[in-house]
Amino acid sequence: MRCDCCPLRPLAEDDVCPESEGKYGIEHADGMSGCKHPYSWVKKRDEEYAEYLGDMGTDMGIEMTFTSEELDRVIEICKHTIGLDYKNPYHRSGKAFYKPYRNYYESPLSGNPLLDRLPQHVIKATKGSYKLTDSGLRWLGGRLDVTIKTATPYKECPHCGAHLDNGEKCDCRTAEADDNAEKELKESAKDNDRN
């Protein structure tokens, strides 16, 4: 890839890309330096670096927003949100991994004052219910030195909107069916009284 087309090229005119000087470096016919890496490799490296800088900025912003006690409490709530306070991460090759079995935190309708101060790209809030986003999972994993895999989304009952864990069934329809059966019974009793 030519250095003048590369997203990894240094911004200063006199800086030189380390990839063009190493074992992958080449010089084109017009004198422009470059490297042998394909565009897909360069693009992936650029995206990883941009994500790294974004995560670092998020972490610094959150640290500046909270006191150390508040930050500890926020981390505990976020751990509870994904079930990390109940289950332990598993270890492979000296690294810790965790796959959440849930990703929600319920609070009163007025909300949680600590979680409300987190950036919107870290946590999603709706009517007292909170959910960590992928960016939030990366932030929490960085704080705990655990790789948190994408959370299994919780199910939501299509009828009443209740949050359900994996395999859990909502009982709103059975309660509704019981109420309907009771109403039908009363109506049939009224009809029998009229006859």
N, C-alpha and C. Protein backbone atom coordinates (compact mmCIF):
# COMPACT_ATOMS: atom_id res chain seq x y z
N MET A 1 0.85 -1.16 0.00
CA MET A 1 0.00 0.00 0.00
C MET A 1 0.90 1.23 0.00
N ARG A 2 0.55 2.19 -0.80
CA ARG A 2 1.30 3.44 -0.88
C ARG A 2 1.06 4.27 0.38
N CYS A 3 2.09 4.91 0.87
CA CYS A 3 1.97 5.71 2.09
C CYS A 3 1.03 6.90 1.92
N ASP A 4 0.93 7.45 0.70
CA ASP A 4 0.05 8.61 0.53
C ASP A 4 -1.42 8.20 0.52
N CYS A 5 -1.74 6.92 0.42
CA CYS A 5 -3.12 6.43 0.46
C CYS A 5 -3.46 5.72 1.77
N CYS A 6 -2.49 5.55 2.61
CA CYS A 6 -2.64 4.73 3.81
C CYS A 6 -3.26 5.53 4.96
N PRO A 7 -4.29 4.98 5.64
CA PRO A 7 -4.86 5.67 6.80
C PRO A 7 -3.93 5.65 8.01
N LEU A 8 -2.91 4.79 8.02
CA LEU A 8 -1.97 4.72 9.14
C LEU A 8 -0.80 5.68 9.01
N ARG A 9 -0.72 6.40 7.91
CA ARG A 9 0.44 7.27 7.70
C ARG A 9 0.50 8.34 8.79
N PRO A 10 1.68 8.73 9.19
CA PRO A 10 1.83 9.80 10.19
C PRO A 10 1.33 11.13 9.62
N LEU A 11 0.82 11.98 10.49
CA LEU A 11 0.27 13.25 10.04
C LEU A 11 1.36 14.26 9.67
N ALA A 12 2.47 14.23 10.37
CA ALA A 12 3.54 15.18 10.08
C ALA A 12 4.23 14.79 8.78
N GLU A 13 4.67 15.78 8.00
CA GLU A 13 5.29 15.53 6.70
C GLU A 13 6.61 14.78 6.82
N ASP A 14 7.38 15.07 7.88
CA ASP A 14 8.71 14.46 7.98
C ASP A 14 8.69 13.10 8.69
N ASP A 15 7.55 12.69 9.25
CA ASP A 15 7.47 11.38 9.90
C ASP A 15 7.38 10.28 8.85
N VAL A 16 7.87 9.13 9.22
CA VAL A 16 7.87 7.98 8.31
C VAL A 16 7.12 6.84 8.99
N CYS A 17 6.29 6.17 8.24
CA CYS A 17 5.53 5.02 8.75
C CYS A 17 6.50 3.89 9.08
N PRO A 18 6.41 3.31 10.27
CA PRO A 18 7.33 2.21 10.62
C PRO A 18 7.13 0.99 9.73
N GLU A 19 5.95 0.80 9.17
CA GLU A 19 5.71 -0.35 8.30
C GLU A 19 6.48 -0.22 6.98
N SER A 20 6.69 1.03 6.53
CA SER A 20 7.38 1.22 5.25
C SER A 20 8.90 1.09 5.40
N GLU A 21 9.40 1.12 6.64
CA GLU A 21 10.84 0.99 6.86
C GLU A 21 11.24 -0.40 7.30
N GLY A 22 10.29 -1.21 7.73
CA GLY A 22 10.61 -2.54 8.23
C GLY A 22 10.76 -3.54 7.09
N LYS A 23 10.58 -4.80 7.44
CA LYS A 23 10.77 -5.85 6.44
C LYS A 23 9.67 -5.85 5.37
N TYR A 24 8.57 -5.16 5.62
CA TYR A 24 7.48 -5.09 4.64
C TYR A 24 7.57 -3.85 3.76
N GLY A 25 8.57 -3.01 3.97
CA GLY A 25 8.69 -1.76 3.23
C GLY A 25 9.07 -1.96 1.77
N ILE A 26 8.51 -1.12 0.91
CA ILE A 26 8.84 -1.12 -0.51
C ILE A 26 8.91 0.33 -0.99
N GLU A 27 9.53 0.53 -2.14
CA GLU A 27 9.57 1.86 -2.75
C GLU A 27 8.97 1.74 -4.15
N HIS A 28 7.98 2.59 -4.43
CA HIS A 28 7.31 2.55 -5.73
C HIS A 28 8.16 3.25 -6.79
N ALA A 29 7.80 3.09 -8.05
CA ALA A 29 8.58 3.63 -9.18
C ALA A 29 8.69 5.15 -9.13
N ASP A 30 7.67 5.83 -8.60
CA ASP A 30 7.73 7.29 -8.54
C ASP A 30 8.45 7.80 -7.28
N GLY A 31 9.03 6.90 -6.50
CA GLY A 31 9.79 7.30 -5.33
C GLY A 31 8.99 7.29 -4.03
N MET A 32 7.69 7.07 -4.11
CA MET A 32 6.84 7.04 -2.92
C MET A 32 7.08 5.74 -2.18
N SER A 33 7.23 5.84 -0.86
CA SER A 33 7.43 4.62 -0.07
C SER A 33 6.07 4.00 0.25
N GLY A 34 6.11 2.76 0.66
CA GLY A 34 4.88 2.04 0.99
C GLY A 34 5.21 0.73 1.68
N CYS A 35 4.22 -0.12 1.78
CA CYS A 35 4.44 -1.42 2.41
C CYS A 35 3.70 -2.50 1.62
N LYS A 36 4.00 -3.75 1.93
CA LYS A 36 3.42 -4.88 1.21
C LYS A 36 2.09 -5.33 1.80
N HIS A 37 1.62 -4.67 2.87
CA HIS A 37 0.38 -5.09 3.52
C HIS A 37 -0.82 -4.79 2.63
N PRO A 38 -1.82 -5.69 2.61
CA PRO A 38 -3.04 -5.42 1.85
C PRO A 38 -3.89 -4.37 2.56
N TYR A 39 -4.80 -3.78 1.81
CA TYR A 39 -5.64 -2.71 2.35
C TYR A 39 -6.49 -3.21 3.52
N SER A 40 -6.98 -4.46 3.46
CA SER A 40 -7.81 -4.99 4.54
C SER A 40 -7.03 -5.05 5.86
N TRP A 41 -5.75 -5.39 5.81
CA TRP A 41 -4.91 -5.44 7.02
C TRP A 41 -4.74 -4.03 7.58
N VAL A 42 -4.47 -3.07 6.71
CA VAL A 42 -4.26 -1.68 7.13
C VAL A 42 -5.55 -1.12 7.73
N LYS A 43 -6.67 -1.40 7.09
CA LYS A 43 -7.96 -0.89 7.58
C LYS A 43 -8.28 -1.48 8.95
N LYS A 44 -8.02 -2.77 9.14
CA LYS A 44 -8.29 -3.41 10.44
C LYS A 44 -7.42 -2.79 11.53
N ARG A 45 -6.15 -2.58 11.25
CA ARG A 45 -5.26 -1.94 12.23
C ARG A 45 -5.74 -0.54 12.58
N ASP A 46 -6.19 0.21 11.58
CA ASP A 46 -6.68 1.57 11.80
C ASP A 46 -7.93 1.56 12.67
N GLU A 47 -8.85 0.64 12.41
CA GLU A 47 -10.08 0.55 13.21
C GLU A 47 -9.77 0.14 14.65
N GLU A 48 -8.84 -0.80 14.83
CA GLU A 48 -8.46 -1.21 16.19
C GLU A 48 -7.85 -0.06 16.96
N TYR A 49 -7.02 0.73 16.29
CA TYR A 49 -6.38 1.86 16.95
C TYR A 49 -7.41 2.93 17.30
N ALA A 50 -8.34 3.19 16.39
CA ALA A 50 -9.39 4.18 16.67
C ALA A 50 -10.26 3.72 17.83
N GLU A 51 -10.58 2.42 17.88
CA GLU A 51 -11.36 1.87 18.98
C GLU A 51 -10.60 1.99 20.30
N TYR A 52 -9.30 1.73 20.25
CA TYR A 52 -8.46 1.84 21.45
C TYR A 52 -8.47 3.27 21.98
N LEU A 53 -8.30 4.25 21.08
CA LEU A 53 -8.32 5.65 21.51
C LEU A 53 -9.68 6.05 22.06
N GLY A 54 -10.75 5.56 21.43
CA GLY A 54 -12.10 5.86 21.91
C GLY A 54 -12.35 5.28 23.29
N ASP A 55 -11.92 4.03 23.50
CA ASP A 55 -12.09 3.40 24.81
C ASP A 55 -11.28 4.12 25.88
N MET A 56 -10.08 4.57 25.51
CA MET A 56 -9.24 5.29 26.46
C MET A 56 -9.90 6.62 26.84
N GLY A 57 -10.49 7.31 25.86
CA GLY A 57 -11.19 8.56 26.14
C GLY A 57 -12.42 8.34 27.01
N THR A 58 -13.15 7.26 26.74
CA THR A 58 -14.33 6.93 27.56
C THR A 58 -13.92 6.68 29.00
N ASP A 59 -12.87 5.91 29.19
CA ASP A 59 -12.40 5.58 30.54
C ASP A 59 -11.97 6.85 31.28
N MET A 60 -11.24 7.72 30.60
CA MET A 60 -10.80 8.97 31.24
C MET A 60 -11.98 9.86 31.58
N GLY A 61 -12.97 9.94 30.69
CA GLY A 61 -14.14 10.76 30.94
C GLY A 61 -14.94 10.27 32.13
N ILE A 62 -15.11 8.94 32.23
CA ILE A 62 -15.86 8.37 33.35
C ILE A 62 -15.11 8.59 34.65
N GLU A 63 -13.78 8.44 34.64
CA GLU A 63 -12.99 8.68 35.85
C GLU A 63 -13.12 10.12 36.33
N MET A 64 -13.22 11.05 35.39
CA MET A 64 -13.33 12.46 35.77
C MET A 64 -14.73 12.81 36.27
N THR A 65 -15.74 12.01 35.89
CA THR A 65 -17.12 12.29 36.26
C THR A 65 -17.43 11.86 37.69
N PHE A 66 -16.83 10.77 38.15
CA PHE A 66 -17.17 10.18 39.44
C PHE A 66 -16.02 10.29 40.43
N THR A 67 -16.37 10.32 41.72
CA THR A 67 -15.36 10.17 42.75
C THR A 67 -14.98 8.69 42.79
N SER A 68 -13.92 8.35 43.52
CA SER A 68 -13.48 6.95 43.54
C SER A 68 -14.54 6.05 44.18
N GLU A 69 -15.24 6.53 45.22
CA GLU A 69 -16.29 5.72 45.86
C GLU A 69 -17.46 5.52 44.91
N GLU A 70 -17.85 6.59 44.20
CA GLU A 70 -18.95 6.49 43.25
C GLU A 70 -18.59 5.56 42.10
N LEU A 71 -17.35 5.64 41.63
CA LEU A 71 -16.90 4.78 40.53
C LEU A 71 -16.92 3.32 40.96
N ASP A 72 -16.49 3.03 42.19
CA ASP A 72 -16.55 1.66 42.70
C ASP A 72 -17.99 1.16 42.73
N ARG A 73 -18.91 2.02 43.15
CA ARG A 73 -20.34 1.64 43.21
C ARG A 73 -20.90 1.41 41.79
N VAL A 74 -20.52 2.26 40.84
CA VAL A 74 -20.97 2.10 39.45
C VAL A 74 -20.46 0.78 38.88
N ILE A 75 -19.21 0.44 39.16
CA ILE A 75 -18.64 -0.82 38.68
C ILE A 75 -19.38 -2.01 39.29
N GLU A 76 -19.72 -1.93 40.58
CA GLU A 76 -20.48 -3.00 41.23
C GLU A 76 -21.87 -3.15 40.61
N ILE A 77 -22.53 -2.04 40.30
CA ILE A 77 -23.85 -2.10 39.67
C ILE A 77 -23.73 -2.70 38.27
N CYS A 78 -22.70 -2.29 37.53
CA CYS A 78 -22.50 -2.82 36.17
C CYS A 78 -22.18 -4.32 36.21
N LYS A 79 -21.42 -4.75 37.21
CA LYS A 79 -21.15 -6.18 37.37
C LYS A 79 -22.46 -6.93 37.64
N HIS A 80 -23.31 -6.34 38.46
CA HIS A 80 -24.61 -6.96 38.76
C HIS A 80 -25.49 -7.00 37.51
N THR A 81 -25.38 -5.95 36.68
CA THR A 81 -26.18 -5.86 35.46
C THR A 81 -25.96 -7.06 34.55
N ILE A 82 -24.73 -7.54 34.46
CA ILE A 82 -24.44 -8.66 33.57
C ILE A 82 -24.28 -9.98 34.33
N GLY A 83 -24.54 -9.97 35.64
CA GLY A 83 -24.48 -11.20 36.42
C GLY A 83 -23.10 -11.59 36.87
N LEU A 84 -22.13 -10.68 36.79
CA LEU A 84 -20.75 -11.00 37.16
C LEU A 84 -20.57 -11.02 38.68
N ASP A 85 -21.55 -10.53 39.42
CA ASP A 85 -21.47 -10.63 40.88
C ASP A 85 -21.93 -12.00 41.37
N TYR A 86 -22.60 -12.75 40.49
CA TYR A 86 -23.13 -14.06 40.86
C TYR A 86 -22.28 -15.20 40.30
N LYS A 87 -21.81 -15.04 39.06
CA LYS A 87 -20.99 -16.07 38.41
C LYS A 87 -19.59 -15.54 38.19
N ASN A 88 -18.61 -16.41 38.23
CA ASN A 88 -17.22 -16.04 38.04
C ASN A 88 -16.81 -16.21 36.58
N PRO A 89 -15.84 -15.42 36.12
CA PRO A 89 -15.35 -15.61 34.75
C PRO A 89 -14.56 -16.92 34.66
N TYR A 90 -14.45 -17.45 33.44
CA TYR A 90 -13.64 -18.64 33.22
C TYR A 90 -12.30 -18.21 32.65
N HIS A 91 -11.29 -19.06 32.81
CA HIS A 91 -9.93 -18.73 32.41
C HIS A 91 -9.42 -19.68 31.32
N ARG A 92 -8.78 -19.09 30.31
CA ARG A 92 -8.14 -19.84 29.24
C ARG A 92 -6.81 -19.18 28.93
N SER A 93 -5.75 -19.94 28.92
CA SER A 93 -4.41 -19.45 28.59
C SER A 93 -4.02 -18.23 29.41
N GLY A 94 -4.37 -18.23 30.66
CA GLY A 94 -3.99 -17.15 31.55
C GLY A 94 -4.84 -15.89 31.43
N LYS A 95 -5.88 -15.92 30.62
CA LYS A 95 -6.76 -14.76 30.46
C LYS A 95 -8.15 -15.11 30.99
N ALA A 96 -8.84 -14.09 31.49
CA ALA A 96 -10.19 -14.29 32.03
C ALA A 96 -11.23 -13.88 30.99
N PHE A 97 -12.26 -14.70 30.85
CA PHE A 97 -13.36 -14.45 29.92
C PHE A 97 -14.68 -14.60 30.66
N TYR A 98 -15.69 -13.86 30.18
CA TYR A 98 -17.01 -13.98 30.78
C TYR A 98 -18.06 -13.77 29.70
N LYS A 99 -19.06 -14.65 29.69
CA LYS A 99 -20.18 -14.49 28.78
C LYS A 99 -21.43 -14.24 29.63
N PRO A 100 -21.97 -13.02 29.57
CA PRO A 100 -23.12 -12.68 30.41
C PRO A 100 -24.34 -13.52 30.08
N TYR A 101 -25.08 -13.88 31.11
CA TYR A 101 -26.33 -14.57 30.89
C TYR A 101 -27.50 -13.61 30.96
N ARG A 102 -27.23 -12.36 31.32
CA ARG A 102 -28.25 -11.31 31.30
C ARG A 102 -27.55 -9.98 31.07
N ASN A 103 -28.32 -8.96 30.76
CA ASN A 103 -27.76 -7.62 30.59
C ASN A 103 -28.86 -6.60 30.84
N TYR A 104 -29.28 -6.49 32.08
CA TYR A 104 -30.25 -5.45 32.44
C TYR A 104 -30.19 -5.18 33.93
N TYR A 105 -30.56 -3.97 34.29
CA TYR A 105 -30.62 -3.57 35.69
C TYR A 105 -31.88 -2.75 35.86
N GLU A 106 -32.72 -3.14 36.77
CA GLU A 106 -33.98 -2.43 37.02
C GLU A 106 -33.81 -1.53 38.23
N SER A 107 -34.33 -0.31 38.12
CA SER A 107 -34.33 0.63 39.23
C SER A 107 -35.69 1.32 39.24
N PRO A 108 -35.98 2.16 40.24
CA PRO A 108 -37.26 2.87 40.24
C PRO A 108 -37.41 3.71 38.96
N LEU A 109 -38.63 4.07 38.63
CA LEU A 109 -38.88 4.84 37.41
C LEU A 109 -38.13 6.16 37.39
N SER A 110 -37.80 6.69 38.57
CA SER A 110 -37.04 7.95 38.63
C SER A 110 -35.60 7.75 38.15
N GLY A 111 -35.14 6.50 38.10
CA GLY A 111 -33.80 6.19 37.60
C GLY A 111 -32.76 6.10 38.70
N ASN A 112 -31.56 5.75 38.31
CA ASN A 112 -30.44 5.65 39.22
C ASN A 112 -29.53 6.85 38.97
N PRO A 113 -29.30 7.70 39.98
CA PRO A 113 -28.51 8.92 39.74
C PRO A 113 -27.07 8.64 39.29
N LEU A 114 -26.49 7.53 39.70
CA LEU A 114 -25.13 7.22 39.26
C LEU A 114 -25.10 6.74 37.81
N LEU A 115 -26.00 5.82 37.47
CA LEU A 115 -26.02 5.29 36.11
C LEU A 115 -26.46 6.35 35.10
N ASP A 116 -27.28 7.29 35.55
CA ASP A 116 -27.73 8.36 34.65
C ASP A 116 -26.57 9.28 34.25
N ARG A 117 -25.50 9.29 35.02
CA ARG A 117 -24.35 10.13 34.70
C ARG A 117 -23.36 9.46 33.75
N LEU A 118 -23.54 8.17 33.48
CA LEU A 118 -22.68 7.48 32.52
C LEU A 118 -23.03 7.93 31.10
N PRO A 119 -22.05 7.95 30.18
CA PRO A 119 -22.34 8.34 28.79
C PRO A 119 -23.35 7.39 28.14
N GLN A 120 -24.12 7.92 27.19
CA GLN A 120 -25.16 7.13 26.54
C GLN A 120 -24.60 6.01 25.68
N HIS A 121 -23.36 6.13 25.22
CA HIS A 121 -22.80 5.04 24.42
C HIS A 121 -22.28 3.91 25.29
N VAL A 122 -22.28 4.10 26.62
CA VAL A 122 -21.84 3.06 27.54
C VAL A 122 -23.04 2.29 28.11
N ILE A 123 -24.11 3.02 28.42
CA ILE A 123 -25.29 2.39 29.01
C ILE A 123 -26.54 2.98 28.38
N LYS A 124 -27.50 2.11 28.12
CA LYS A 124 -28.76 2.54 27.52
C LYS A 124 -29.83 2.50 28.60
N ALA A 125 -30.52 3.62 28.79
CA ALA A 125 -31.53 3.72 29.85
C ALA A 125 -32.91 3.94 29.24
N THR A 126 -33.88 3.16 29.73
CA THR A 126 -35.28 3.35 29.33
C THR A 126 -36.17 3.09 30.52
N LYS A 127 -36.85 4.12 31.02
CA LYS A 127 -37.85 4.02 32.10
C LYS A 127 -37.37 3.20 33.29
N GLY A 128 -36.23 3.52 33.83
CA GLY A 128 -35.73 2.83 35.00
C GLY A 128 -35.03 1.51 34.71
N SER A 129 -34.92 1.14 33.44
CA SER A 129 -34.23 -0.09 33.06
C SER A 129 -32.93 0.30 32.35
N TYR A 130 -31.85 -0.36 32.71
CA TYR A 130 -30.53 -0.04 32.15
C TYR A 130 -29.94 -1.27 31.50
N LYS A 131 -29.21 -1.04 30.39
CA LYS A 131 -28.56 -2.11 29.65
C LYS A 131 -27.20 -1.61 29.20
N LEU A 132 -26.14 -2.40 29.43
CA LEU A 132 -24.81 -2.03 28.96
C LEU A 132 -24.71 -2.27 27.46
N THR A 133 -24.17 -1.31 26.74
CA THR A 133 -23.94 -1.46 25.31
C THR A 133 -22.64 -2.23 25.09
N ASP A 134 -22.30 -2.51 23.84
CA ASP A 134 -21.02 -3.19 23.55
C ASP A 134 -19.84 -2.36 24.04
N SER A 135 -19.95 -1.04 23.88
CA SER A 135 -18.91 -0.15 24.38
C SER A 135 -18.83 -0.21 25.91
N GLY A 136 -19.98 -0.31 26.55
CA GLY A 136 -20.02 -0.44 28.01
C GLY A 136 -19.42 -1.74 28.48
N LEU A 137 -19.66 -2.81 27.74
CA LEU A 137 -19.06 -4.11 28.09
C LEU A 137 -17.55 -4.06 27.95
N ARG A 138 -17.04 -3.37 26.90
CA ARG A 138 -15.59 -3.23 26.73
C ARG A 138 -15.01 -2.40 27.87
N TRP A 139 -15.71 -1.32 28.26
CA TRP A 139 -15.23 -0.46 29.36
C TRP A 139 -15.16 -1.26 30.66
N LEU A 140 -16.23 -1.99 30.98
CA LEU A 140 -16.25 -2.77 32.22
C LEU A 140 -15.20 -3.87 32.19
N GLY A 141 -15.04 -4.53 31.04
CA GLY A 141 -14.02 -5.57 30.91
C GLY A 141 -12.63 -5.02 31.10
N GLY A 142 -12.37 -3.82 30.59
CA GLY A 142 -11.07 -3.19 30.78
C GLY A 142 -10.82 -2.86 32.23
N ARG A 143 -11.86 -2.44 32.93
CA ARG A 143 -11.73 -2.12 34.35
C ARG A 143 -11.44 -3.36 35.20
N LEU A 144 -12.05 -4.48 34.81
CA LEU A 144 -11.92 -5.71 35.60
C LEU A 144 -10.85 -6.65 35.06
N ASP A 145 -10.23 -6.29 33.94
CA ASP A 145 -9.24 -7.12 33.27
C ASP A 145 -9.84 -8.48 32.89
N VAL A 146 -11.06 -8.43 32.33
CA VAL A 146 -11.79 -9.61 31.88
C VAL A 146 -12.31 -9.32 30.48
N THR A 147 -12.18 -10.26 29.57
CA THR A 147 -12.78 -10.10 28.26
C THR A 147 -14.23 -10.52 28.36
N ILE A 148 -15.13 -9.55 28.20
CA ILE A 148 -16.55 -9.82 28.30
C ILE A 148 -17.09 -9.99 26.88
N LYS A 149 -17.60 -11.17 26.61
CA LYS A 149 -18.14 -11.45 25.28
C LYS A 149 -19.49 -10.77 25.13
N THR A 150 -19.96 -10.65 23.92
CA THR A 150 -21.23 -9.98 23.67
C THR A 150 -22.32 -10.65 24.49
N ALA A 151 -23.07 -9.83 25.16
CA ALA A 151 -24.08 -10.33 26.07
C ALA A 151 -25.22 -11.01 25.31
N THR A 152 -25.75 -12.06 25.90
CA THR A 152 -26.95 -12.66 25.36
C THR A 152 -28.09 -11.72 25.71
N PRO A 153 -28.80 -11.21 24.72
CA PRO A 153 -29.84 -10.25 25.05
C PRO A 153 -30.96 -10.91 25.84
N TYR A 154 -31.47 -10.18 26.79
CA TYR A 154 -32.59 -10.71 27.55
C TYR A 154 -33.82 -10.68 26.66
N LYS A 155 -34.73 -11.58 26.94
CA LYS A 155 -35.97 -11.59 26.19
C LYS A 155 -36.93 -10.60 26.83
N GLU A 156 -37.79 -10.08 26.02
CA GLU A 156 -38.80 -9.15 26.51
C GLU A 156 -40.16 -9.71 26.12
N CYS A 157 -41.06 -9.78 27.07
CA CYS A 157 -42.38 -10.30 26.80
C CYS A 157 -43.09 -9.35 25.82
N PRO A 158 -43.60 -9.86 24.70
CA PRO A 158 -44.25 -8.99 23.72
C PRO A 158 -45.58 -8.43 24.22
N HIS A 159 -46.14 -9.04 25.26
CA HIS A 159 -47.45 -8.61 25.74
C HIS A 159 -47.38 -7.58 26.86
N CYS A 160 -46.49 -7.83 27.84
CA CYS A 160 -46.43 -6.90 28.98
C CYS A 160 -45.11 -6.14 29.07
N GLY A 161 -44.07 -6.56 28.30
CA GLY A 161 -42.80 -5.86 28.30
C GLY A 161 -41.86 -6.26 29.42
N ALA A 162 -42.19 -7.31 30.16
CA ALA A 162 -41.33 -7.75 31.27
C ALA A 162 -40.02 -8.33 30.74
N HIS A 163 -38.93 -8.11 31.46
CA HIS A 163 -37.63 -8.67 31.09
C HIS A 163 -37.54 -10.09 31.61
N LEU A 164 -37.16 -11.01 30.72
CA LEU A 164 -37.10 -12.42 31.07
C LEU A 164 -35.69 -12.94 30.87
N ASP A 165 -35.22 -13.77 31.80
CA ASP A 165 -33.93 -14.44 31.63
C ASP A 165 -34.07 -15.53 30.59
N ASN A 166 -32.95 -16.10 30.17
CA ASN A 166 -32.99 -17.17 29.18
C ASN A 166 -33.80 -18.35 29.70
N GLY A 167 -34.73 -18.83 28.89
CA GLY A 167 -35.55 -19.97 29.27
C GLY A 167 -36.73 -19.64 30.15
N GLU A 168 -36.84 -18.43 30.64
CA GLU A 168 -37.94 -18.04 31.51
C GLU A 168 -39.15 -17.69 30.67
N LYS A 169 -40.33 -18.11 31.12
CA LYS A 169 -41.58 -17.79 30.42
C LYS A 169 -42.38 -16.82 31.26
N CYS A 170 -43.01 -15.89 30.58
CA CYS A 170 -43.81 -14.88 31.28
C CYS A 170 -45.16 -15.47 31.66
N ASP A 171 -45.64 -15.11 32.84
CA ASP A 171 -46.92 -15.63 33.30
C ASP A 171 -48.06 -14.63 33.10
N CYS A 172 -47.81 -13.55 32.36
CA CYS A 172 -48.86 -12.54 32.16
C CYS A 172 -50.03 -13.10 31.36
N ARG A 173 -49.76 -13.96 30.39
CA ARG A 173 -50.84 -14.53 29.56
C ARG A 173 -51.69 -15.51 30.36
N THR A 174 -51.07 -16.26 31.27
CA THR A 174 -51.87 -17.20 32.07
C THR A 174 -52.74 -16.43 33.04
N ALA A 175 -52.21 -15.33 33.61
CA ALA A 175 -53.01 -14.50 34.51
C ALA A 175 -54.15 -13.84 33.73
N GLU A 176 -53.86 -13.41 32.51
CA GLU A 176 -54.87 -12.79 31.66
C GLU A 176 -55.93 -13.82 31.29
N ALA A 177 -55.51 -15.05 30.98
CA ALA A 177 -56.45 -16.11 30.64
C ALA A 177 -57.34 -16.45 31.84
N ASP A 178 -56.76 -16.45 33.05
CA ASP A 178 -57.56 -16.70 34.26
C ASP A 178 -58.60 -15.61 34.46
N ASP A 179 -58.19 -14.33 34.22
CA ASP A 179 -59.13 -13.22 34.35
C ASP A 179 -60.25 -13.33 33.33
N ASN A 180 -59.90 -13.69 32.08
CA ASN A 180 -60.91 -13.84 31.03
C ASN A 180 -61.87 -14.98 31.35
N ALA A 181 -61.35 -16.08 31.86
CA ALA A 181 -62.19 -17.22 32.22
C ALA A 181 -63.15 -16.83 33.34
N GLU A 182 -62.67 -16.05 34.28
CA GLU A 182 -63.51 -15.60 35.39
C GLU A 182 -64.61 -14.68 34.89
N LYS A 183 -64.28 -13.77 33.96
CA LYS A 183 -65.29 -12.86 33.38
C LYS A 183 -66.34 -13.66 32.61
N GLU A 184 -65.90 -14.64 31.81
CA GLU A 184 -66.83 -15.46 31.05
C GLU A 184 -67.76 -16.23 31.98
N LEU A 185 -67.22 -16.71 33.08
CA LEU A 185 -68.01 -17.44 34.05
C LEU A 185 -69.09 -16.55 34.64
N LYS A 186 -68.73 -15.29 34.99
CA LYS A 186 -69.70 -14.35 35.54
C LYS A 186 -70.76 -14.00 34.51
N GLU A 187 -70.35 -13.80 33.24
CA GLU A 187 -71.30 -13.46 32.19
C GLU A 187 -72.27 -14.61 31.94
N SER A 188 -71.74 -15.84 31.93
CA SER A 188 -72.62 -16.98 31.70
C SER A 188 -73.60 -17.15 32.88
N ALA A 189 -73.14 -16.82 34.09
CA ALA A 189 -74.02 -16.89 35.25
C ALA A 189 -75.13 -15.84 35.13
N LYS A 190 -74.79 -14.64 34.63
CA LYS A 190 -75.80 -13.58 34.42
C LYS A 190 -76.81 -14.03 33.37
N ASP A 191 -76.32 -14.63 32.27
CA ASP A 191 -77.20 -15.11 31.21
C ASP A 191 -78.14 -16.18 31.73
N ASN A 192 -77.62 -17.07 32.58
CA ASN A 192 -78.47 -18.11 33.14
C ASN A 192 -79.53 -17.53 34.06
N ASP A 193 -79.19 -16.46 34.79
CA ASP A 193 -80.15 -15.83 35.67
C ASP A 193 -81.27 -15.18 34.89
N ARG A 194 -80.98 -14.65 33.70
CA ARG A 194 -81.99 -13.98 32.88
C ARG A 194 -82.95 -14.99 32.28
N ASN A 195 -82.50 -16.17 32.02
CA ASN A 195 -83.35 -17.18 31.38
C ASN A 195 -84.21 -17.82 32.38
